[in-house]
Amino acid sequence: MQSQLKRGTLEMCVLTILCRGDRYGYELVNIISDAMHITEGTIYPLMKRLKDSGSIDSYIVESQEGPPRKYYRITDSGRDIQREQETEWRGFTAAVNRLLDGEENAQ
């Protein structure tokens, strides 16, 4: 169940983090990994899908400490999607929490 929950929420998590500021891929992995176990191999295909859909874009920043880094930033479309996903997530988790708390009839 945990891997399915991760797959279903990872996009929302990435978009939420990017709403707070631009990040490079490895940085995103580290931030998310602090909350749940993920690998770089999980993030990069997602970043490509988000970029292809227009939810994010990217740019390169030269680094004095190594190779250039690709930074990702959220687009206006991505912000709209993030808001929709967050609203849906909060409603869903509230409903599940009500059931877990024995409030079957509460809406």
C-alpha atoms as a PDB file:
ATOM      1  CA  MET A   1       0.000   0.000   0.000  1.00  0.00           C
ATOM      2  CA  GLN A   2       2.810   2.430   0.828  1.00  0.00           C
ATOM      3  CA  SER A   3       4.335   2.264  -2.672  1.00  0.00           C
ATOM      4  CA  GLN A   4       0.928   2.928  -4.236  1.00  0.00           C
ATOM      5  CA  LEU A   5       0.400   5.924  -1.951  1.00  0.00           C
ATOM      6  CA  LYS A   6       3.836   7.270  -2.907  1.00  0.00           C
ATOM      7  CA  ARG A   7       3.103   6.896  -6.615  1.00  0.00           C
ATOM      8  CA  GLY A   8      -0.216   8.636  -6.187  1.00  0.00           C
ATOM      9  CA  THR A   9       1.117  11.579  -4.206  1.00  0.00           C
ATOM     10  CA  LEU A  10       4.663  12.132  -5.443  1.00  0.00           C
ATOM     11  CA  GLU A  11       3.599  14.542  -8.194  1.00  0.00           C
ATOM     12  CA  MET A  12       1.691  16.655  -5.675  1.00  0.00           C
ATOM     13  CA  CYS A  13       4.687  16.635  -3.336  1.00  0.00           C
ATOM     14  CA  VAL A  14       7.078  17.761  -6.088  1.00  0.00           C
ATOM     15  CA  LEU A  15       4.737  20.518  -7.263  1.00  0.00           C
ATOM     16  CA  THR A  16       4.235  21.692  -3.671  1.00  0.00           C
ATOM     17  CA  ILE A  17       7.972  21.912  -3.058  1.00  0.00           C
ATOM     18  CA  LEU A  18       8.462  23.808  -6.324  1.00  0.00           C
ATOM     19  CA  CYS A  19       5.719  26.258  -5.297  1.00  0.00           C
ATOM     20  CA  ARG A  20       8.104  27.278  -2.502  1.00  0.00           C
ATOM     21  CA  GLY A  21      11.069  27.817  -4.817  1.00  0.00           C
ATOM     22  CA  ASP A  22      13.199  26.453  -7.641  1.00  0.00           C
ATOM     23  CA  ARG A  23      15.117  23.244  -6.923  1.00  0.00           C
ATOM     24  CA  TYR A  24      17.495  20.922  -8.714  1.00  0.00           C
ATOM     25  CA  GLY A  25      16.698  17.223  -8.992  1.00  0.00           C
ATOM     26  CA  TYR A  26      19.014  15.848  -6.328  1.00  0.00           C
ATOM     27  CA  GLU A  27      17.772  18.504  -3.929  1.00  0.00           C
ATOM     28  CA  LEU A  28      14.171  17.401  -4.551  1.00  0.00           C
ATOM     29  CA  VAL A  29      15.151  13.794  -3.852  1.00  0.00           C
ATOM     30  CA  ASN A  30      16.741  14.796  -0.542  1.00  0.00           C
ATOM     31  CA  ILE A  31      13.780  16.902   0.581  1.00  0.00           C
ATOM     32  CA  ILE A  32      11.250  14.186  -0.217  1.00  0.00           C
ATOM     33  CA  SER A  33      13.489  11.436   1.179  1.00  0.00           C
ATOM     34  CA  ASP A  34      13.392  13.173   4.547  1.00  0.00           C
ATOM     35  CA  ALA A  35       9.669  12.354   4.627  1.00  0.00           C
ATOM     36  CA  MET A  36       9.519   9.069   2.682  1.00  0.00           C
ATOM     37  CA  HIS A  37      11.960   6.723   0.996  1.00  0.00           C
ATOM     38  CA  ILE A  38      12.417   7.467  -2.701  1.00  0.00           C
ATOM     39  CA  THR A  39      15.279   7.181  -5.158  1.00  0.00           C
ATOM     40  CA  GLU A  40      16.608   9.455  -7.883  1.00  0.00           C
ATOM     41  CA  GLY A  41      15.268   6.952 -10.393  1.00  0.00           C
ATOM     42  CA  THR A  42      11.770   7.766  -9.174  1.00  0.00           C
ATOM     43  CA  ILE A  43      12.053  11.533  -9.508  1.00  0.00           C
ATOM     44  CA  TYR A  44      13.603  12.033 -12.928  1.00  0.00           C
ATOM     45  CA  PRO A  45      10.921  10.244 -15.000  1.00  0.00           C
ATOM     46  CA  LEU A  46       8.319  12.239 -13.062  1.00  0.00           C
ATOM     47  CA  MET A  47      10.173  15.490 -13.758  1.00  0.00           C
ATOM     48  CA  LYS A  48      10.192  14.672 -17.480  1.00  0.00           C
ATOM     49  CA  ARG A  49       6.438  13.992 -17.447  1.00  0.00           C
ATOM     50  CA  LEU A  50       5.764  17.229 -15.547  1.00  0.00           C
ATOM     51  CA  LYS A  51       7.935  19.173 -17.986  1.00  0.00           C
ATOM     52  CA  ASP A  52       6.281  17.561 -21.026  1.00  0.00           C
ATOM     53  CA  SER A  53       2.848  18.454 -19.631  1.00  0.00           C
ATOM     54  CA  GLY A  54       3.863  22.087 -19.039  1.00  0.00           C
ATOM     55  CA  SER A  55       3.560  21.909 -15.254  1.00  0.00           C
ATOM     56  CA  ILE A  56       7.233  22.752 -14.749  1.00  0.00           C
ATOM     57  CA  ASP A  57      10.132  24.035 -16.787  1.00  0.00           C
ATOM     58  CA  SER A  58      13.863  23.908 -16.260  1.00  0.00           C
ATOM     59  CA  TYR A  59      17.014  25.929 -16.677  1.00  0.00           C
ATOM     60  CA  ILE A  60      20.722  25.277 -16.263  1.00  0.00           C
ATOM     61  CA  VAL A  61      22.898  26.985 -13.665  1.00  0.00           C
ATOM     62  CA  GLU A  62      26.668  26.766 -13.898  1.00  0.00           C
ATOM     63  CA  SER A  63      28.315  25.488 -10.739  1.00  0.00           C
ATOM     64  CA  GLN A  64      31.764  26.393  -9.472  1.00  0.00           C
ATOM     65  CA  GLU A  65      31.860  23.148  -7.509  1.00  0.00           C
ATOM     66  CA  GLY A  66      31.079  20.668 -10.282  1.00  0.00           C
ATOM     67  CA  PRO A  67      28.964  20.176 -13.358  1.00  0.00           C
ATOM     68  CA  PRO A  68      26.098  22.539 -14.234  1.00  0.00           C
ATOM     69  CA  ARG A  69      22.835  21.846 -12.423  1.00  0.00           C
ATOM     70  CA  LYS A  70      19.412  21.646 -13.979  1.00  0.00           C
ATOM     71  CA  TYR A  71      16.936  23.578 -11.856  1.00  0.00           C
ATOM     72  CA  TYR A  72      13.194  23.096 -12.054  1.00  0.00           C
ATOM     73  CA  ARG A  73      10.540  25.740 -11.510  1.00  0.00           C
ATOM     74  CA  ILE A  74       6.781  25.482 -11.450  1.00  0.00           C
ATOM     75  CA  THR A  75       4.667  27.151 -14.129  1.00  0.00           C
ATOM     76  CA  ASP A  76       1.319  28.886 -13.666  1.00  0.00           C
ATOM     77  CA  SER A  77      -0.340  25.746 -15.007  1.00  0.00           C
ATOM     78  CA  GLY A  78       1.606  23.670 -12.482  1.00  0.00           C
ATOM     79  CA  ARG A  79       0.442  25.929  -9.650  1.00  0.00           C
ATOM     80  CA  ASP A  80      -3.171  25.409 -10.721  1.00  0.00           C
ATOM     81  CA  ILE A  81      -2.671  21.638 -10.797  1.00  0.00           C
ATOM     82  CA  GLN A  82      -0.962  21.682  -7.399  1.00  0.00           C
ATOM     83  CA  ARG A  83      -3.870  23.610  -5.849  1.00  0.00           C
ATOM     84  CA  GLU A  84      -6.390  21.164  -7.325  1.00  0.00           C
ATOM     85  CA  GLN A  85      -4.405  18.151  -6.127  1.00  0.00           C
ATOM     86  CA  GLU A  86      -3.955  19.596  -2.649  1.00  0.00           C
ATOM     87  CA  THR A  87      -7.667  20.337  -2.318  1.00  0.00           C
ATOM     88  CA  GLU A  88      -8.527  16.820  -3.453  1.00  0.00           C
ATOM     89  CA  TRP A  89      -5.892  15.300  -1.123  1.00  0.00           C
ATOM     90  CA  ARG A  90      -7.117  17.232   1.911  1.00  0.00           C
ATOM     91  CA  GLY A  91     -10.721  16.178   1.265  1.00  0.00           C
ATOM     92  CA  PHE A  92      -9.696  12.558   0.740  1.00  0.00           C
ATOM     93  CA  THR A  93      -7.549  12.353   3.863  1.00  0.00           C
ATOM     94  CA  ALA A  94     -10.252  14.039   5.937  1.00  0.00           C
ATOM     95  CA  ALA A  95     -12.750  11.402   4.775  1.00  0.00           C
ATOM     96  CA  VAL A  96     -10.344   8.556   5.547  1.00  0.00           C
ATOM     97  CA  ASN A  97      -9.562  10.045   8.949  1.00  0.00           C
ATOM     98  CA  ARG A  98     -13.283  10.261   9.747  1.00  0.00           C
ATOM     99  CA  LEU A  99     -13.653   6.575   8.908  1.00  0.00           C
ATOM    100  CA  LEU A 100     -10.594   5.639  10.960  1.00  0.00           C
ATOM    101  CA  ASP A 101     -11.999   7.636  13.877  1.00  0.00           C
ATOM    102  CA  GLY A 102     -15.331   5.786  13.690  1.00  0.00           C
ATOM    103  CA  GLU A 103     -17.304   8.674  12.252  1.00  0.00           C
ATOM    104  CA  GLU A 104     -18.961   6.693   9.440  1.00  0.00           C
ATOM    105  CA  ASN A 105     -21.914   9.074   9.106  1.00  0.00           C
ATOM    106  CA  ALA A 106     -20.014  12.363   9.418  1.00  0.00           C
ATOM    107  CA  GLN A 107     -19.584  14.381   6.263  1.00  0.00           C
END
